[in-house]
Amino acid sequence: MKHTRFLLIFPLLAACAQATPPQPSGPTVPDAASDTCGGAAYGYLIGQKANALERVLIMRQVRIIHPDTMVTMDHRPARLNFTINADGLIARISCG
């Protein structure tokens, strides 16, 4: 009986575990062919702290994605995405 209770705990623990979001891979700014949001113009922000975005006037839809932020899967080519890494630095700029 003790072994059965022990085995029942593992599925419960697995259900509580939080998945780690994947780190950005690939280019850090959109290439010219896929730059539908004008993200390449903000490439100088890569590697700066996320609060650097407060000093930049961006007149378009912007989404800031932190490591624990849930995002929708809708694709909006004109939307500018800034991906922030665990250190609080801007790691990637993408469209969508």
C-alpha atoms as a PDB file:
ATOM      1  CA  MET A   1       0.000   0.000   0.000  1.00  0.00           C
ATOM      2  CA  LYS A   2       2.855   2.399   0.777  1.00  0.00           C
ATOM      3  CA  HIS A   3       4.362   1.871  -2.653  1.00  0.00           C
ATOM      4  CA  THR A   4       1.070   2.695  -4.355  1.00  0.00           C
ATOM      5  CA  ARG A   5       0.835   6.080  -2.614  1.00  0.00           C
ATOM      6  CA  PHE A   6       4.412   6.804  -3.554  1.00  0.00           C
ATOM      7  CA  LEU A   7       3.709   6.095  -7.232  1.00  0.00           C
ATOM      8  CA  LEU A   8       0.658   8.356  -7.233  1.00  0.00           C
ATOM      9  CA  ILE A   9       2.747  11.376  -6.219  1.00  0.00           C
ATOM     10  CA  PHE A  10       4.872  11.399  -9.390  1.00  0.00           C
ATOM     11  CA  PRO A  11       2.036  12.255 -11.820  1.00  0.00           C
ATOM     12  CA  LEU A  12       0.937  15.029  -9.473  1.00  0.00           C
ATOM     13  CA  LEU A  13       4.430  16.469  -9.308  1.00  0.00           C
ATOM     14  CA  ALA A  14       4.788  16.284 -13.071  1.00  0.00           C
ATOM     15  CA  ALA A  15       1.524  18.192 -13.497  1.00  0.00           C
ATOM     16  CA  CYS A  16       2.824  20.971 -11.250  1.00  0.00           C
ATOM     17  CA  ALA A  17       6.147  21.312 -13.041  1.00  0.00           C
ATOM     18  CA  GLN A  18       6.454  24.437 -15.138  1.00  0.00           C
ATOM     19  CA  ALA A  19       7.883  24.087 -18.608  1.00  0.00           C
ATOM     20  CA  THR A  20      10.857  26.305 -19.388  1.00  0.00           C
ATOM     21  CA  PRO A  21      10.175  28.439 -22.454  1.00  0.00           C
ATOM     22  CA  PRO A  22      12.638  27.921 -25.277  1.00  0.00           C
ATOM     23  CA  GLN A  23      15.362  30.526 -25.645  1.00  0.00           C
ATOM     24  CA  PRO A  24      15.356  32.506 -28.869  1.00  0.00           C
ATOM     25  CA  SER A  25      17.354  30.909 -31.632  1.00  0.00           C
ATOM     26  CA  GLY A  26      18.230  32.068 -35.080  1.00  0.00           C
ATOM     27  CA  PRO A  27      18.853  35.640 -36.144  1.00  0.00           C
ATOM     28  CA  THR A  28      18.421  38.362 -33.532  1.00  0.00           C
ATOM     29  CA  VAL A  29      16.832  40.817 -35.994  1.00  0.00           C
ATOM     30  CA  PRO A  30      14.577  40.118 -38.971  1.00  0.00           C
ATOM     31  CA  ASP A  31      16.328  39.806 -42.327  1.00  0.00           C
ATOM     32  CA  ALA A  32      15.391  42.191 -45.124  1.00  0.00           C
ATOM     33  CA  ALA A  33      13.009  39.718 -46.785  1.00  0.00           C
ATOM     34  CA  SER A  34      10.941  39.095 -43.646  1.00  0.00           C
ATOM     35  CA  ASP A  35      11.163  42.556 -42.028  1.00  0.00           C
ATOM     36  CA  THR A  36       7.462  43.417 -42.313  1.00  0.00           C
ATOM     37  CA  CYS A  37       7.529  45.334 -39.016  1.00  0.00           C
ATOM     38  CA  GLY A  38      10.633  47.491 -39.442  1.00  0.00           C
ATOM     39  CA  GLY A  39      12.484  45.604 -36.710  1.00  0.00           C
ATOM     40  CA  ALA A  40      15.922  45.879 -38.302  1.00  0.00           C
ATOM     41  CA  ALA A  41      15.897  49.612 -37.527  1.00  0.00           C
ATOM     42  CA  TYR A  42      15.928  48.752 -33.810  1.00  0.00           C
ATOM     43  CA  GLY A  43      18.822  46.282 -34.001  1.00  0.00           C
ATOM     44  CA  TYR A  44      21.005  48.615 -31.945  1.00  0.00           C
ATOM     45  CA  LEU A  45      18.854  47.696 -28.909  1.00  0.00           C
ATOM     46  CA  ILE A  46      20.052  44.065 -28.898  1.00  0.00           C
ATOM     47  CA  GLY A  47      22.042  43.446 -25.722  1.00  0.00           C
ATOM     48  CA  GLN A  48      20.679  46.500 -23.895  1.00  0.00           C
ATOM     49  CA  LYS A  49      18.515  46.340 -20.785  1.00  0.00           C
ATOM     50  CA  ALA A  50      14.781  46.018 -21.418  1.00  0.00           C
ATOM     51  CA  ASN A  51      14.113  49.462 -19.943  1.00  0.00           C
ATOM     52  CA  ALA A  52      15.944  50.949 -22.957  1.00  0.00           C
ATOM     53  CA  LEU A  53      12.607  50.494 -24.761  1.00  0.00           C
ATOM     54  CA  GLU A  54      11.147  53.234 -22.541  1.00  0.00           C
ATOM     55  CA  ARG A  55      13.384  55.790 -24.264  1.00  0.00           C
ATOM     56  CA  VAL A  56      12.442  54.802 -27.810  1.00  0.00           C
ATOM     57  CA  LEU A  57       9.355  56.115 -29.585  1.00  0.00           C
ATOM     58  CA  ILE A  58       7.825  53.248 -31.559  1.00  0.00           C
ATOM     59  CA  MET A  59       4.669  54.112 -33.458  1.00  0.00           C
ATOM     60  CA  ARG A  60       3.398  50.598 -34.195  1.00  0.00           C
ATOM     61  CA  GLN A  61       2.129  47.529 -32.370  1.00  0.00           C
ATOM     62  CA  VAL A  62       4.780  46.259 -29.961  1.00  0.00           C
ATOM     63  CA  ARG A  63       4.905  43.108 -27.864  1.00  0.00           C
ATOM     64  CA  ILE A  64       7.530  42.612 -25.163  1.00  0.00           C
ATOM     65  CA  ILE A  65       8.110  38.949 -24.376  1.00  0.00           C
ATOM     66  CA  HIS A  66       9.811  38.110 -21.067  1.00  0.00           C
ATOM     67  CA  PRO A  67      10.945  34.539 -20.238  1.00  0.00           C
ATOM     68  CA  ASP A  68       7.752  33.721 -18.287  1.00  0.00           C
ATOM     69  CA  THR A  69       5.329  35.627 -20.522  1.00  0.00           C
ATOM     70  CA  MET A  70       2.606  33.641 -22.243  1.00  0.00           C
ATOM     71  CA  VAL A  71       2.016  34.822 -25.799  1.00  0.00           C
ATOM     72  CA  THR A  72      -0.748  34.215 -28.293  1.00  0.00           C
ATOM     73  CA  MET A  73       0.033  32.327 -31.466  1.00  0.00           C
ATOM     74  CA  ASP A  74      -1.691  34.823 -33.778  1.00  0.00           C
ATOM     75  CA  HIS A  75       0.588  36.177 -36.479  1.00  0.00           C
ATOM     76  CA  ARG A  76       0.516  39.909 -37.151  1.00  0.00           C
ATOM     77  CA  PRO A  77       3.230  40.786 -39.659  1.00  0.00           C
ATOM     78  CA  ALA A  78       3.265  44.473 -38.664  1.00  0.00           C
ATOM     79  CA  ARG A  79       3.715  43.743 -34.923  1.00  0.00           C
ATOM     80  CA  LEU A  80       7.204  44.279 -33.504  1.00  0.00           C
ATOM     81  CA  ASN A  81       8.286  41.674 -30.902  1.00  0.00           C
ATOM     82  CA  PHE A  82      11.102  42.275 -28.433  1.00  0.00           C
ATOM     83  CA  THR A  83      12.243  39.100 -26.666  1.00  0.00           C
ATOM     84  CA  ILE A  84      13.858  39.692 -23.278  1.00  0.00           C
ATOM     85  CA  ASN A  85      16.197  37.042 -21.863  1.00  0.00           C
ATOM     86  CA  ALA A  86      16.506  35.867 -18.238  1.00  0.00           C
ATOM     87  CA  ASP A  87      19.147  38.538 -17.565  1.00  0.00           C
ATOM     88  CA  GLY A  88      16.703  41.307 -18.519  1.00  0.00           C
ATOM     89  CA  LEU A  89      18.452  42.098 -21.801  1.00  0.00           C
ATOM     90  CA  ILE A  90      16.884  42.452 -25.223  1.00  0.00           C
ATOM     91  CA  ALA A  91      17.886  39.222 -26.949  1.00  0.00           C
ATOM     92  CA  ARG A  92      15.864  39.212 -30.157  1.00  0.00           C
ATOM     93  CA  ILE A  93      13.663  41.368 -32.356  1.00  0.00           C
ATOM     94  CA  SER A  94      11.113  39.719 -34.624  1.00  0.00           C
ATOM     95  CA  CYS A  95       7.953  40.416 -36.577  1.00  0.00           C
ATOM     96  CA  GLY A  96       4.690  38.725 -35.863  1.00  0.00           C
END
